[in-house]
N, C-alpha and C. Protein backbone atom coordinates (compact mmCIF):
# COMPACT_ATOMS: atom_id res chain seq x y z
N MET A 1 -21.96 -21.77 -13.59
CA MET A 1 -20.48 -22.42 -14.30
C MET A 1 -19.57 -22.90 -13.77
N GLY A 2 -20.28 -23.93 -12.75
CA GLY A 2 -19.06 -24.89 -12.28
C GLY A 2 -18.29 -26.00 -12.64
N THR A 3 -18.24 -25.58 -14.09
CA THR A 3 -17.31 -26.46 -14.82
C THR A 3 -15.95 -25.71 -14.92
N ALA A 4 -15.98 -24.75 -14.63
CA ALA A 4 -14.44 -24.05 -14.74
C ALA A 4 -13.83 -23.94 -13.07
N ALA A 5 -14.57 -23.94 -12.04
CA ALA A 5 -14.28 -23.62 -10.74
C ALA A 5 -13.43 -24.81 -10.20
N GLY A 6 -12.73 -24.43 -9.27
CA GLY A 6 -11.37 -25.39 -9.23
C GLY A 6 -10.38 -25.60 -10.23
N ARG A 7 -10.48 -25.16 -11.42
CA ARG A 7 -9.25 -25.42 -12.27
C ARG A 7 -8.33 -24.65 -12.21
N GLU A 8 -7.22 -24.61 -12.58
CA GLU A 8 -5.99 -23.55 -12.22
C GLU A 8 -6.30 -22.75 -13.33
N ALA A 9 -6.06 -21.43 -13.09
CA ALA A 9 -6.28 -20.22 -14.04
C ALA A 9 -5.54 -20.19 -15.19
N TRP A 10 -6.23 -19.75 -16.25
CA TRP A 10 -5.30 -19.58 -17.55
C TRP A 10 -6.16 -20.86 -18.14
N GLU A 11 -7.13 -21.07 -18.72
CA GLU A 11 -7.83 -21.66 -19.09
C GLU A 11 -8.52 -21.19 -20.57
N LYS A 12 -8.12 -21.67 -21.62
CA LYS A 12 -8.71 -21.35 -22.84
C LYS A 12 -9.92 -21.20 -23.39
N LEU A 13 -10.53 -20.36 -24.24
CA LEU A 13 -11.86 -20.27 -24.54
C LEU A 13 -11.87 -19.42 -26.06
N ASP A 14 -13.11 -19.68 -26.35
CA ASP A 14 -13.38 -18.99 -27.40
C ASP A 14 -14.02 -17.68 -27.00
N VAL A 15 -13.64 -16.52 -27.78
CA VAL A 15 -14.62 -15.28 -27.92
C VAL A 15 -15.06 -14.35 -28.77
N ILE A 16 -16.05 -14.06 -28.79
CA ILE A 16 -16.66 -13.18 -30.11
C ILE A 16 -16.68 -12.13 -29.48
N CYS A 17 -16.00 -10.84 -30.37
CA CYS A 17 -15.74 -9.56 -29.56
C CYS A 17 -15.78 -8.34 -30.58
N GLU A 18 -16.31 -7.25 -30.31
CA GLU A 18 -16.49 -6.13 -31.49
C GLU A 18 -15.15 -5.43 -31.25
N HIS A 19 -14.77 -5.18 -32.67
CA HIS A 19 -13.21 -4.57 -32.67
C HIS A 19 -13.61 -2.67 -33.43
N LYS A 20 -13.54 -1.96 -32.21
CA LYS A 20 -14.34 -0.45 -32.96
C LYS A 20 -13.24 0.26 -33.75
N ALA A 21 -13.43 1.14 -34.71
CA ALA A 21 -12.71 1.94 -35.25
C ALA A 21 -11.17 2.55 -34.56
N ASP A 22 -11.34 2.68 -33.04
CA ASP A 22 -10.27 3.19 -32.58
C ASP A 22 -9.71 2.22 -31.80
N GLY A 23 -9.97 0.99 -32.36
CA GLY A 23 -8.97 -0.08 -31.30
C GLY A 23 -9.42 -0.77 -30.44
N GLU A 24 -10.73 -0.06 -29.56
CA GLU A 24 -10.82 -0.73 -28.63
C GLU A 24 -11.91 -1.98 -28.63
N ILE A 25 -11.28 -3.18 -27.93
CA ILE A 25 -12.01 -4.38 -27.99
C ILE A 25 -12.95 -4.77 -27.06
N ILE A 26 -14.46 -5.03 -27.62
CA ILE A 26 -15.34 -5.52 -26.30
C ILE A 26 -15.82 -6.77 -26.42
N PRO A 27 -15.58 -7.42 -25.73
CA PRO A 27 -16.12 -8.86 -25.36
C PRO A 27 -17.76 -9.05 -25.75
N LEU A 28 -18.01 -9.93 -26.30
CA LEU A 28 -19.57 -9.66 -26.36
C LEU A 28 -20.18 -11.24 -26.16
N ARG A 29 -19.55 -12.34 -26.35
CA ARG A 29 -19.79 -13.95 -25.90
C ARG A 29 -18.63 -14.32 -25.57
N ILE A 30 -18.75 -15.68 -24.82
CA ILE A 30 -17.57 -16.37 -25.12
C ILE A 30 -18.09 -17.94 -24.97
N ARG A 31 -17.37 -18.85 -25.28
CA ARG A 31 -17.76 -20.38 -25.43
C ARG A 31 -16.65 -20.99 -24.77
N ILE A 32 -16.72 -22.06 -23.72
CA ILE A 32 -15.73 -22.91 -22.98
C ILE A 32 -16.18 -23.76 -23.32
N ARG A 33 -15.17 -25.44 -22.80
CA ARG A 33 -15.56 -26.69 -22.81
C ARG A 33 -15.90 -26.98 -21.37
N ASN A 34 -16.81 -27.80 -20.87
CA ASN A 34 -16.80 -28.35 -19.65
C ASN A 34 -16.07 -29.46 -19.54
N GLU A 35 -15.93 -30.45 -18.42
CA GLU A 35 -15.68 -31.78 -18.25
C GLU A 35 -15.68 -32.40 -19.23
N GLU A 36 -17.05 -32.54 -20.05
CA GLU A 36 -17.35 -33.65 -20.77
C GLU A 36 -16.93 -33.44 -22.41
N GLY A 37 -16.13 -32.34 -22.53
CA GLY A 37 -16.00 -31.90 -23.78
C GLY A 37 -17.00 -30.93 -24.39
N GLU A 38 -18.08 -30.73 -23.82
CA GLU A 38 -19.11 -30.19 -24.68
C GLU A 38 -18.81 -28.67 -24.57
N TYR A 39 -19.47 -27.67 -25.42
CA TYR A 39 -19.34 -26.25 -25.65
C TYR A 39 -20.39 -25.88 -24.69
N LEU A 40 -20.31 -24.61 -24.17
CA LEU A 40 -21.07 -23.79 -23.35
C LEU A 40 -20.84 -22.51 -23.84
N ALA A 41 -21.82 -21.65 -24.05
CA ALA A 41 -21.77 -20.44 -24.63
C ALA A 41 -22.62 -19.38 -23.49
N PHE A 42 -22.07 -18.41 -23.56
CA PHE A 42 -22.68 -17.07 -22.53
C PHE A 42 -22.24 -15.71 -22.91
N SER A 43 -23.33 -15.18 -22.88
CA SER A 43 -23.17 -13.60 -23.44
C SER A 43 -22.85 -12.80 -22.34
N VAL A 44 -21.91 -11.82 -22.87
CA VAL A 44 -21.22 -10.86 -21.49
C VAL A 44 -22.31 -9.98 -21.76
N ARG A 45 -22.92 -9.66 -20.09
CA ARG A 45 -23.69 -8.99 -19.80
C ARG A 45 -23.22 -7.51 -19.60
N GLU A 46 -22.24 -7.30 -19.04
CA GLU A 46 -21.18 -6.54 -18.45
C GLU A 46 -19.90 -6.29 -18.31
N TYR A 47 -18.96 -5.34 -18.67
CA TYR A 47 -17.56 -5.52 -18.61
C TYR A 47 -16.87 -4.46 -18.27
N ARG A 48 -15.67 -4.64 -17.63
CA ARG A 48 -14.94 -3.88 -17.17
C ARG A 48 -13.45 -3.81 -17.89
N ASP A 49 -12.69 -2.97 -18.61
CA ASP A 49 -11.58 -3.01 -19.19
C ASP A 49 -10.30 -2.70 -18.35
N LEU A 50 -9.76 -3.59 -17.60
CA LEU A 50 -8.47 -3.47 -16.83
C LEU A 50 -7.57 -3.75 -17.32
N SER A 51 -6.83 -3.42 -18.50
CA SER A 51 -6.06 -3.35 -19.50
C SER A 51 -4.79 -2.12 -18.97
N HIS A 52 -3.84 -2.08 -19.51
CA HIS A 52 -2.91 -1.19 -19.56
C HIS A 52 -2.73 -0.68 -18.06
N ARG A 53 -2.41 -1.63 -17.38
CA ARG A 53 -2.10 -1.10 -16.12
C ARG A 53 -0.66 -1.34 -15.68
N GLY A 54 -0.07 -1.67 -16.52
CA GLY A 54 1.65 -2.01 -16.26
C GLY A 54 1.76 -3.35 -16.09
N THR A 55 2.78 -3.96 -15.74
CA THR A 55 3.10 -5.44 -15.23
C THR A 55 2.65 -6.12 -13.94
N TYR A 56 2.02 -6.86 -13.66
CA TYR A 56 1.70 -7.27 -12.49
C TYR A 56 1.11 -8.87 -12.12
N THR A 57 0.76 -9.12 -11.27
CA THR A 57 -0.13 -10.66 -11.29
C THR A 57 -1.02 -10.58 -10.69
N THR A 58 -2.24 -10.94 -11.14
CA THR A 58 -3.43 -10.60 -10.79
C THR A 58 -4.00 -11.32 -9.53
N GLY A 59 -5.00 -11.15 -8.77
CA GLY A 59 -5.28 -12.11 -7.67
C GLY A 59 -5.91 -13.28 -8.08
N ASP A 60 -5.83 -13.63 -9.31
CA ASP A 60 -6.27 -15.27 -9.71
C ASP A 60 -4.70 -15.87 -10.36
N GLY A 61 -3.77 -15.13 -9.98
CA GLY A 61 -2.14 -15.77 -10.45
C GLY A 61 -1.78 -15.50 -11.68
N VAL A 62 -2.47 -14.96 -12.26
CA VAL A 62 -2.17 -14.74 -13.97
C VAL A 62 -1.34 -13.23 -13.74
N PHE A 63 0.31 -13.78 -14.61
CA PHE A 63 0.80 -12.58 -14.96
C PHE A 63 0.54 -11.83 -16.34
N VAL A 64 0.55 -10.49 -16.18
CA VAL A 64 0.16 -10.29 -17.26
C VAL A 64 1.04 -8.66 -17.55
N SER A 65 0.59 -8.23 -18.61
CA SER A 65 1.64 -7.00 -18.98
C SER A 65 1.08 -5.89 -19.98
N ASN A 66 1.52 -5.22 -20.38
CA ASN A 66 0.97 -4.23 -21.10
C ASN A 66 0.55 -5.00 -22.71
N ASN A 67 1.34 -6.10 -22.80
CA ASN A 67 0.91 -6.78 -24.05
C ASN A 67 -0.54 -7.98 -23.67
N THR A 68 -1.20 -7.78 -22.79
CA THR A 68 -2.22 -8.79 -22.30
C THR A 68 -3.42 -7.58 -21.94
N LEU A 69 -4.66 -7.59 -22.78
CA LEU A 69 -5.65 -7.25 -22.41
C LEU A 69 -6.49 -7.82 -21.47
N VAL A 70 -6.95 -7.25 -20.18
CA VAL A 70 -7.89 -7.66 -19.13
C VAL A 70 -9.13 -7.17 -19.35
N PHE A 71 -10.07 -7.92 -19.02
CA PHE A 71 -11.50 -8.04 -19.27
C PHE A 71 -12.15 -8.46 -17.86
N GLU A 72 -13.04 -7.63 -17.07
CA GLU A 72 -13.32 -8.14 -16.17
C GLU A 72 -15.27 -8.28 -16.42
N CYS A 73 -15.82 -9.53 -16.77
CA CYS A 73 -16.87 -9.57 -17.55
C CYS A 73 -18.25 -10.28 -16.38
N ARG A 74 -19.27 -9.82 -16.42
CA ARG A 74 -20.49 -10.49 -15.87
C ARG A 74 -21.16 -11.31 -16.70
N ILE A 75 -21.33 -12.52 -16.76
CA ILE A 75 -22.37 -13.35 -17.77
C ILE A 75 -23.25 -13.97 -16.41
N GLU A 76 -24.41 -14.47 -17.39
CA GLU A 76 -25.41 -15.03 -16.65
C GLU A 76 -25.48 -16.65 -16.87
N VAL A 77 -25.39 -17.54 -15.72
CA VAL A 77 -25.21 -18.72 -15.65
C VAL A 77 -26.41 -19.63 -15.06
N PHE A 78 -27.37 -19.98 -15.75
CA PHE A 78 -28.49 -20.84 -15.11
C PHE A 78 -29.05 -19.72 -14.14
N GLY A 79 -29.55 -18.77 -14.67
CA GLY A 79 -30.18 -17.55 -13.94
C GLY A 79 -29.40 -16.85 -12.82
N SER A 80 -28.30 -17.30 -12.47
CA SER A 80 -27.27 -16.84 -11.56
C SER A 80 -26.09 -15.67 -12.26
N LYS A 81 -25.81 -14.50 -11.93
CA LYS A 81 -24.64 -13.58 -12.23
C LYS A 81 -23.49 -14.48 -12.09
N LYS A 82 -22.24 -14.24 -12.81
CA LYS A 82 -20.72 -14.63 -12.56
C LYS A 82 -20.39 -13.98 -12.96
N THR A 83 -19.26 -13.74 -12.39
CA THR A 83 -17.95 -13.10 -13.07
C THR A 83 -16.78 -13.86 -13.62
N VAL A 84 -16.28 -13.32 -14.30
CA VAL A 84 -15.06 -14.19 -15.23
C VAL A 84 -14.34 -13.00 -15.45
N ARG A 85 -12.89 -13.35 -15.75
CA ARG A 85 -11.89 -12.85 -16.22
C ARG A 85 -11.13 -13.23 -17.64
N LEU A 86 -11.22 -12.24 -18.52
CA LEU A 86 -10.72 -12.69 -20.05
C LEU A 86 -9.40 -12.12 -19.77
N TYR A 87 -8.44 -12.61 -20.55
CA TYR A 87 -7.17 -12.25 -20.61
C TYR A 87 -6.81 -12.42 -22.13
N TYR A 88 -6.45 -11.68 -22.82
CA TYR A 88 -5.83 -11.66 -24.43
C TYR A 88 -4.34 -11.44 -24.76
N ASP A 89 -3.72 -12.23 -25.10
CA ASP A 89 -2.48 -12.00 -25.32
C ASP A 89 -2.32 -11.51 -26.50
N VAL A 90 -1.63 -10.51 -26.60
CA VAL A 90 -1.95 -9.79 -28.13
C VAL A 90 -0.85 -10.17 -29.08
N HIS A 91 0.54 -10.99 -28.63
CA HIS A 91 1.31 -11.36 -29.03
C HIS A 91 0.86 -12.82 -29.50
N ARG A 92 0.34 -13.64 -28.79
CA ARG A 92 -0.22 -15.04 -29.37
C ARG A 92 -1.31 -15.40 -30.07
N SER A 93 -2.25 -14.04 -29.90
CA SER A 93 -3.76 -14.03 -30.43
C SER A 93 -4.51 -14.89 -29.60
N ARG A 94 -4.49 -15.19 -28.43
CA ARG A 94 -4.93 -16.27 -27.77
C ARG A 94 -5.79 -15.60 -26.24
N TRP A 95 -7.10 -16.15 -26.04
CA TRP A 95 -7.74 -15.90 -25.18
C TRP A 95 -7.88 -16.54 -24.22
N ARG A 96 -7.82 -16.51 -22.78
CA ARG A 96 -8.01 -17.19 -21.55
C ARG A 96 -8.95 -16.53 -20.65
N TYR A 97 -9.18 -17.24 -19.79
CA TYR A 97 -10.11 -16.93 -18.64
C TYR A 97 -9.94 -17.44 -17.19
N THR A 98 -10.41 -16.70 -16.36
CA THR A 98 -10.44 -17.58 -14.81
C THR A 98 -11.69 -17.06 -14.51
N VAL A 99 -11.90 -18.09 -13.55
CA VAL A 99 -13.37 -17.53 -12.84
C VAL A 99 -12.92 -17.08 -11.42
């Protein structure tokens, strides 16, 4: 996923997710654009919900609050597992990511 490496944090992406009856959100698939504007899609193999930990700035330099859902996800990119962090801004209904 070298397409996102080196970019500043907080890039936009499309996310397909499951919304469970209890309100839990599970990210299933992500789609990003590379430098040429082409879409690349990846399935989420594993995820960890890091939401609801208060207000802080992540190691990626992203400011989050209790209004931000945070997921650490493992995806497979050309046979290699990569970790991405997904951020969902509840008020703006917007997904972003960092690598």
